[in-house]
Amino acid sequence: MRYRTLTRNKEFTRAYTRGKSFVHPLLVTYVVKTRTRKTRVGITSSKKIGNAVTRNRARRVIRAAMYSQLPKDAGSWDIVFVARGKTAQSKSWQVEKVMRKHLEAAGILEGCPQEQP
């Protein structure tokens, strides 16, 4: 795994309160700059989305998009991706397009070449 994960509620809350948010019907992204040298990523999906199967599918779609869009040397960021209602019914390439727009707007992809699969 290339990225560390956000595990503590305090870390998620910091991203929600201090971070910059980017909203789309498929995905919400919270980004906050940190002092660590590693990018940390968290993925959440609430019970509003559906049952456990639906929530896990939404997280899998986001994770697949994240591995193709987030560069290895992204810098020192805390990033939280929040699944929306339409995330579980969408394909990973659709979420990739939205995620790329969010990461470019946040300045994470500046100077980083896009990885080709």
N, C-alpha and C. Protein backbone atom coordinates (compact mmCIF):
# COMPACT_ATOMS: atom_id res chain seq x y z
N MET A 1 0.84 -1.18 0.00
CA MET A 1 0.00 0.00 0.00
C MET A 1 0.89 1.24 0.00
N ARG A 2 0.57 2.18 -0.84
CA ARG A 2 1.40 3.36 -1.01
C ARG A 2 1.11 4.45 0.01
N TYR A 3 -0.06 4.44 0.60
CA TYR A 3 -0.48 5.55 1.45
C TYR A 3 -0.82 5.04 2.84
N ARG A 4 -0.57 5.89 3.80
CA ARG A 4 -1.03 5.57 5.15
C ARG A 4 -2.50 5.91 5.24
N THR A 5 -3.18 5.29 6.18
CA THR A 5 -4.61 5.53 6.31
C THR A 5 -4.89 6.37 7.54
N LEU A 6 -5.92 7.18 7.44
CA LEU A 6 -6.42 7.91 8.59
C LEU A 6 -7.25 6.93 9.41
N THR A 7 -6.98 6.82 10.68
CA THR A 7 -7.68 5.84 11.49
C THR A 7 -8.44 6.47 12.66
N ARG A 8 -7.94 7.57 13.18
CA ARG A 8 -8.55 8.15 14.37
C ARG A 8 -9.63 9.16 14.01
N ASN A 9 -10.65 9.20 14.82
CA ASN A 9 -11.74 10.15 14.61
C ASN A 9 -11.22 11.58 14.62
N LYS A 10 -10.21 11.84 15.45
CA LYS A 10 -9.62 13.18 15.54
C LYS A 10 -9.04 13.61 14.20
N GLU A 11 -8.42 12.69 13.48
CA GLU A 11 -7.82 13.00 12.18
C GLU A 11 -8.89 13.32 11.14
N PHE A 12 -9.97 12.55 11.15
CA PHE A 12 -11.07 12.82 10.23
C PHE A 12 -11.72 14.17 10.55
N THR A 13 -11.94 14.43 11.83
CA THR A 13 -12.57 15.69 12.25
C THR A 13 -11.72 16.88 11.85
N ARG A 14 -10.41 16.75 11.95
CA ARG A 14 -9.51 17.83 11.54
C ARG A 14 -9.66 18.12 10.05
N ALA A 15 -9.78 17.08 9.24
CA ALA A 15 -9.96 17.27 7.80
C ALA A 15 -11.31 17.93 7.51
N TYR A 16 -12.34 17.53 8.24
CA TYR A 16 -13.66 18.11 8.01
C TYR A 16 -13.72 19.58 8.40
N THR A 17 -13.08 19.94 9.51
CA THR A 17 -13.20 21.30 10.00
C THR A 17 -12.20 22.26 9.36
N ARG A 18 -10.94 21.85 9.22
CA ARG A 18 -9.90 22.74 8.72
C ARG A 18 -9.63 22.58 7.23
N GLY A 19 -10.06 21.48 6.66
CA GLY A 19 -9.72 21.20 5.27
C GLY A 19 -10.61 21.92 4.27
N LYS A 20 -10.15 21.92 3.04
CA LYS A 20 -10.92 22.47 1.95
C LYS A 20 -11.75 21.35 1.35
N SER A 21 -13.00 21.64 1.03
CA SER A 21 -13.88 20.58 0.53
C SER A 21 -14.24 20.82 -0.92
N PHE A 22 -14.42 19.73 -1.64
CA PHE A 22 -14.83 19.74 -3.04
C PHE A 22 -15.98 18.76 -3.16
N VAL A 23 -17.09 19.23 -3.74
CA VAL A 23 -18.33 18.45 -3.72
C VAL A 23 -18.77 18.13 -5.14
N HIS A 24 -19.24 16.89 -5.32
CA HIS A 24 -19.81 16.40 -6.57
C HIS A 24 -20.84 15.35 -6.19
N PRO A 25 -21.86 15.10 -7.02
CA PRO A 25 -22.84 14.06 -6.68
C PRO A 25 -22.27 12.66 -6.49
N LEU A 26 -21.07 12.39 -7.03
CA LEU A 26 -20.45 11.08 -6.85
C LEU A 26 -19.48 11.02 -5.68
N LEU A 27 -18.92 12.16 -5.28
CA LEU A 27 -17.82 12.13 -4.33
C LEU A 27 -17.66 13.48 -3.65
N VAL A 28 -17.31 13.44 -2.37
CA VAL A 28 -16.90 14.64 -1.64
C VAL A 28 -15.46 14.42 -1.18
N THR A 29 -14.62 15.42 -1.38
CA THR A 29 -13.21 15.32 -1.03
C THR A 29 -12.84 16.43 -0.06
N TYR A 30 -12.20 16.06 1.04
CA TYR A 30 -11.66 17.02 2.00
C TYR A 30 -10.15 16.90 1.97
N VAL A 31 -9.47 18.04 1.86
CA VAL A 31 -8.02 18.06 1.74
C VAL A 31 -7.45 19.06 2.74
N VAL A 32 -6.45 18.64 3.51
CA VAL A 32 -5.76 19.54 4.42
C VAL A 32 -4.27 19.24 4.38
N LYS A 33 -3.46 20.29 4.35
CA LYS A 33 -2.00 20.17 4.32
C LYS A 33 -1.51 19.80 5.72
N THR A 34 -0.50 18.93 5.81
CA THR A 34 0.04 18.50 7.09
C THR A 34 1.55 18.70 7.13
N ARG A 35 2.14 18.46 8.28
CA ARG A 35 3.59 18.58 8.44
C ARG A 35 4.31 17.26 8.23
N THR A 36 3.57 16.17 8.15
CA THR A 36 4.20 14.87 7.93
C THR A 36 4.72 14.79 6.51
N ARG A 37 5.55 13.80 6.24
CA ARG A 37 6.13 13.66 4.91
C ARG A 37 5.35 12.68 4.05
N LYS A 38 4.27 12.15 4.55
CA LYS A 38 3.53 11.11 3.85
C LYS A 38 2.08 11.55 3.67
N THR A 39 1.50 11.17 2.56
CA THR A 39 0.09 11.41 2.33
C THR A 39 -0.72 10.35 3.05
N ARG A 40 -1.73 10.81 3.78
CA ARG A 40 -2.63 9.88 4.47
C ARG A 40 -4.02 10.03 3.88
N VAL A 41 -4.69 8.90 3.71
CA VAL A 41 -5.98 8.89 3.03
C VAL A 41 -7.00 8.16 3.90
N GLY A 42 -8.22 8.70 3.93
CA GLY A 42 -9.34 8.04 4.60
C GLY A 42 -10.53 7.99 3.67
N ILE A 43 -11.28 6.90 3.73
CA ILE A 43 -12.47 6.73 2.90
C ILE A 43 -13.63 6.43 3.84
N THR A 44 -14.72 7.19 3.69
CA THR A 44 -15.89 6.97 4.55
C THR A 44 -17.13 6.81 3.70
N SER A 45 -18.08 6.09 4.25
CA SER A 45 -19.41 5.96 3.64
C SER A 45 -20.40 5.77 4.78
N SER A 46 -21.40 6.61 4.82
CA SER A 46 -22.34 6.58 5.93
C SER A 46 -23.49 5.60 5.65
N LYS A 47 -24.30 5.37 6.65
CA LYS A 47 -25.43 4.47 6.51
C LYS A 47 -26.53 5.04 5.62
N LYS A 48 -26.44 6.32 5.31
CA LYS A 48 -27.42 6.93 4.40
C LYS A 48 -27.32 6.32 3.00
N ILE A 49 -26.15 5.80 2.67
CA ILE A 49 -25.92 5.26 1.33
C ILE A 49 -26.67 3.95 1.12
N GLY A 50 -26.73 3.13 2.15
CA GLY A 50 -27.42 1.85 2.02
C GLY A 50 -26.88 0.83 2.99
N ASN A 51 -27.11 -0.43 2.67
CA ASN A 51 -26.67 -1.50 3.56
C ASN A 51 -25.16 -1.71 3.44
N ALA A 52 -24.63 -2.68 4.16
CA ALA A 52 -23.18 -2.90 4.22
C ALA A 52 -22.60 -3.25 2.86
N VAL A 53 -23.32 -4.00 2.06
CA VAL A 53 -22.84 -4.38 0.74
C VAL A 53 -22.68 -3.14 -0.14
N THR A 54 -23.64 -2.25 -0.08
CA THR A 54 -23.60 -1.03 -0.88
C THR A 54 -22.47 -0.12 -0.42
N ARG A 55 -22.32 0.03 0.89
CA ARG A 55 -21.25 0.88 1.42
C ARG A 55 -19.88 0.35 1.06
N ASN A 56 -19.69 -0.96 1.14
CA ASN A 56 -18.40 -1.55 0.78
C ASN A 56 -18.11 -1.41 -0.70
N ARG A 57 -19.11 -1.55 -1.54
CA ARG A 57 -18.90 -1.34 -2.98
C ARG A 57 -18.48 0.10 -3.25
N ALA A 58 -19.12 1.06 -2.57
CA ALA A 58 -18.76 2.46 -2.76
C ALA A 58 -17.30 2.70 -2.35
N ARG A 59 -16.88 2.11 -1.24
CA ARG A 59 -15.49 2.26 -0.81
C ARG A 59 -14.52 1.60 -1.79
N ARG A 60 -14.89 0.45 -2.34
CA ARG A 60 -14.03 -0.22 -3.33
C ARG A 60 -13.88 0.61 -4.60
N VAL A 61 -14.96 1.23 -5.04
CA VAL A 61 -14.91 2.06 -6.24
C VAL A 61 -14.00 3.26 -6.00
N ILE A 62 -14.13 3.88 -4.83
CA ILE A 62 -13.28 5.03 -4.50
C ILE A 62 -11.82 4.61 -4.40
N ARG A 63 -11.55 3.47 -3.77
CA ARG A 63 -10.18 2.99 -3.62
C ARG A 63 -9.55 2.70 -4.98
N ALA A 64 -10.30 2.10 -5.89
CA ALA A 64 -9.78 1.82 -7.23
C ALA A 64 -9.44 3.11 -7.97
N ALA A 65 -10.31 4.10 -7.85
CA ALA A 65 -10.04 5.38 -8.49
C ALA A 65 -8.85 6.08 -7.84
N MET A 66 -8.73 5.96 -6.54
CA MET A 66 -7.64 6.61 -5.82
C MET A 66 -6.28 6.06 -6.25
N TYR A 67 -6.16 4.75 -6.40
CA TYR A 67 -4.88 4.16 -6.77
C TYR A 67 -4.46 4.58 -8.17
N SER A 68 -5.40 4.89 -9.05
CA SER A 68 -5.02 5.29 -10.39
C SER A 68 -4.76 6.79 -10.50
N GLN A 69 -5.29 7.61 -9.59
CA GLN A 69 -5.19 9.06 -9.71
C GLN A 69 -4.18 9.70 -8.77
N LEU A 70 -4.02 9.17 -7.58
CA LEU A 70 -3.16 9.81 -6.59
C LEU A 70 -1.70 9.41 -6.85
N PRO A 71 -0.81 10.38 -7.09
CA PRO A 71 0.58 10.03 -7.38
C PRO A 71 1.32 9.54 -6.13
N LYS A 72 2.42 8.82 -6.35
CA LYS A 72 3.20 8.28 -5.23
C LYS A 72 3.83 9.39 -4.40
N ASP A 73 4.29 10.44 -5.07
CA ASP A 73 4.95 11.53 -4.36
C ASP A 73 4.02 12.75 -4.28
N ALA A 74 2.87 12.55 -3.67
CA ALA A 74 1.86 13.60 -3.61
C ALA A 74 2.21 14.69 -2.61
N GLY A 75 3.13 14.43 -1.71
CA GLY A 75 3.49 15.43 -0.70
C GLY A 75 2.93 15.06 0.65
N SER A 76 2.64 16.07 1.45
CA SER A 76 2.15 15.82 2.81
C SER A 76 0.74 16.36 2.95
N TRP A 77 -0.22 15.48 2.72
CA TRP A 77 -1.63 15.84 2.76
C TRP A 77 -2.41 14.81 3.55
N ASP A 78 -3.49 15.27 4.17
CA ASP A 78 -4.53 14.38 4.69
C ASP A 78 -5.71 14.54 3.76
N ILE A 79 -6.16 13.44 3.18
CA ILE A 79 -7.26 13.46 2.22
C ILE A 79 -8.35 12.52 2.71
N VAL A 80 -9.58 13.02 2.73
CA VAL A 80 -10.73 12.19 3.10
C VAL A 80 -11.70 12.18 1.93
N PHE A 81 -12.02 10.99 1.45
CA PHE A 81 -13.01 10.82 0.40
C PHE A 81 -14.29 10.29 1.04
N VAL A 82 -15.40 10.96 0.77
CA VAL A 82 -16.69 10.58 1.32
C VAL A 82 -17.58 10.11 0.18
N ALA A 83 -18.11 8.90 0.30
CA ALA A 83 -18.99 8.35 -0.72
C ALA A 83 -20.35 9.03 -0.66
N ARG A 84 -20.96 9.19 -1.80
CA ARG A 84 -22.31 9.74 -1.89
C ARG A 84 -23.26 8.65 -2.33
N GLY A 85 -24.53 8.98 -2.46
CA GLY A 85 -25.54 7.99 -2.82
C GLY A 85 -25.32 7.32 -4.16
N LYS A 86 -24.80 8.06 -5.13
CA LYS A 86 -24.61 7.52 -6.48
C LYS A 86 -23.27 6.80 -6.66
N THR A 87 -22.42 6.84 -5.67
CA THR A 87 -21.07 6.27 -5.82
C THR A 87 -21.11 4.77 -6.07
N ALA A 88 -21.95 4.06 -5.34
CA ALA A 88 -21.98 2.60 -5.44
C ALA A 88 -22.50 2.13 -6.80
N GLN A 89 -23.35 2.93 -7.45
CA GLN A 89 -23.89 2.53 -8.75
C GLN A 89 -23.00 2.97 -9.91
N SER A 90 -21.96 3.72 -9.63
CA SER A 90 -21.11 4.22 -10.71
C SER A 90 -19.90 3.31 -10.90
N LYS A 91 -19.20 3.53 -11.99
CA LYS A 91 -17.98 2.79 -12.30
C LYS A 91 -16.78 3.57 -11.79
N SER A 92 -15.67 2.89 -11.63
CA SER A 92 -14.49 3.55 -11.07
C SER A 92 -13.94 4.63 -12.00
N TRP A 93 -14.09 4.47 -13.32
CA TRP A 93 -13.58 5.50 -14.23
C TRP A 93 -14.38 6.79 -14.11
N GLN A 94 -15.66 6.69 -13.74
CA GLN A 94 -16.46 7.89 -13.53
C GLN A 94 -15.99 8.63 -12.28
N VAL A 95 -15.70 7.87 -11.24
CA VAL A 95 -15.20 8.48 -10.01
C VAL A 95 -13.80 9.02 -10.22
N GLU A 96 -13.00 8.36 -11.06
CA GLU A 96 -11.64 8.85 -11.37
C GLU A 96 -11.67 10.26 -11.94
N LYS A 97 -12.58 10.52 -12.87
CA LYS A 97 -12.68 11.84 -13.49
C LYS A 97 -13.00 12.91 -12.45
N VAL A 98 -13.93 12.61 -11.57
CA VAL A 98 -14.32 13.56 -10.53
C VAL A 98 -13.17 13.76 -9.55
N MET A 99 -12.52 12.66 -9.16
CA MET A 99 -11.41 12.73 -8.22
C MET A 99 -10.26 13.54 -8.79
N ARG A 100 -9.98 13.36 -10.06
CA ARG A 100 -8.90 14.12 -10.69
C ARG A 100 -9.19 15.62 -10.64
N LYS A 101 -10.43 16.01 -10.92
CA LYS A 101 -10.80 17.42 -10.84
C LYS A 101 -10.62 17.96 -9.43
N HIS A 102 -11.03 17.18 -8.43
CA HIS A 102 -10.90 17.60 -7.04
C HIS A 102 -9.43 17.76 -6.65
N LEU A 103 -8.60 16.79 -7.01
CA LEU A 103 -7.18 16.84 -6.64
C LEU A 103 -6.45 17.96 -7.38
N GLU A 104 -6.83 18.23 -8.62
CA GLU A 104 -6.22 19.35 -9.34
C GLU A 104 -6.62 20.67 -8.71
N ALA A 105 -7.89 20.80 -8.33
CA ALA A 105 -8.35 22.03 -7.70
C ALA A 105 -7.68 22.26 -6.35
N ALA A 106 -7.36 21.17 -5.65
CA ALA A 106 -6.69 21.29 -4.35
C ALA A 106 -5.21 21.59 -4.49
N GLY A 107 -4.64 21.38 -5.67
CA GLY A 107 -3.22 21.63 -5.88
C GLY A 107 -2.34 20.44 -5.60
N ILE A 108 -2.91 19.28 -5.43
CA ILE A 108 -2.12 18.08 -5.13
C ILE A 108 -1.43 17.54 -6.39
N LEU A 109 -2.07 17.67 -7.52
CA LEU A 109 -1.52 17.13 -8.76
C LEU A 109 -0.65 18.10 -9.51
N GLU A 110 -0.37 19.27 -8.95
CA GLU A 110 0.49 20.24 -9.63
C GLU A 110 1.92 19.69 -9.71
N GLY A 111 2.46 19.67 -10.88
CA GLY A 111 3.83 19.21 -11.07
C GLY A 111 4.00 17.71 -11.03
N CYS A 112 2.93 16.98 -10.86
CA CYS A 112 3.01 15.52 -10.85
C CYS A 112 2.49 14.98 -12.18
N PRO A 113 3.30 14.23 -12.88
CA PRO A 113 2.82 13.66 -14.15
C PRO A 113 1.74 12.62 -13.88
N GLN A 114 0.78 12.54 -14.81
CA GLN A 114 -0.29 11.56 -14.65
C GLN A 114 0.26 10.17 -14.93
N GLU A 115 -0.08 9.24 -14.04
CA GLU A 115 0.40 7.86 -14.21
C GLU A 115 -0.48 7.14 -15.23
N GLN A 116 0.17 6.39 -16.09
CA GLN A 116 -0.56 5.60 -17.07
C GLN A 116 -0.61 4.16 -16.58
N PRO A 117 -1.79 3.53 -16.65
CA PRO A 117 -1.89 2.14 -16.18
C PRO A 117 -1.18 1.17 -17.07
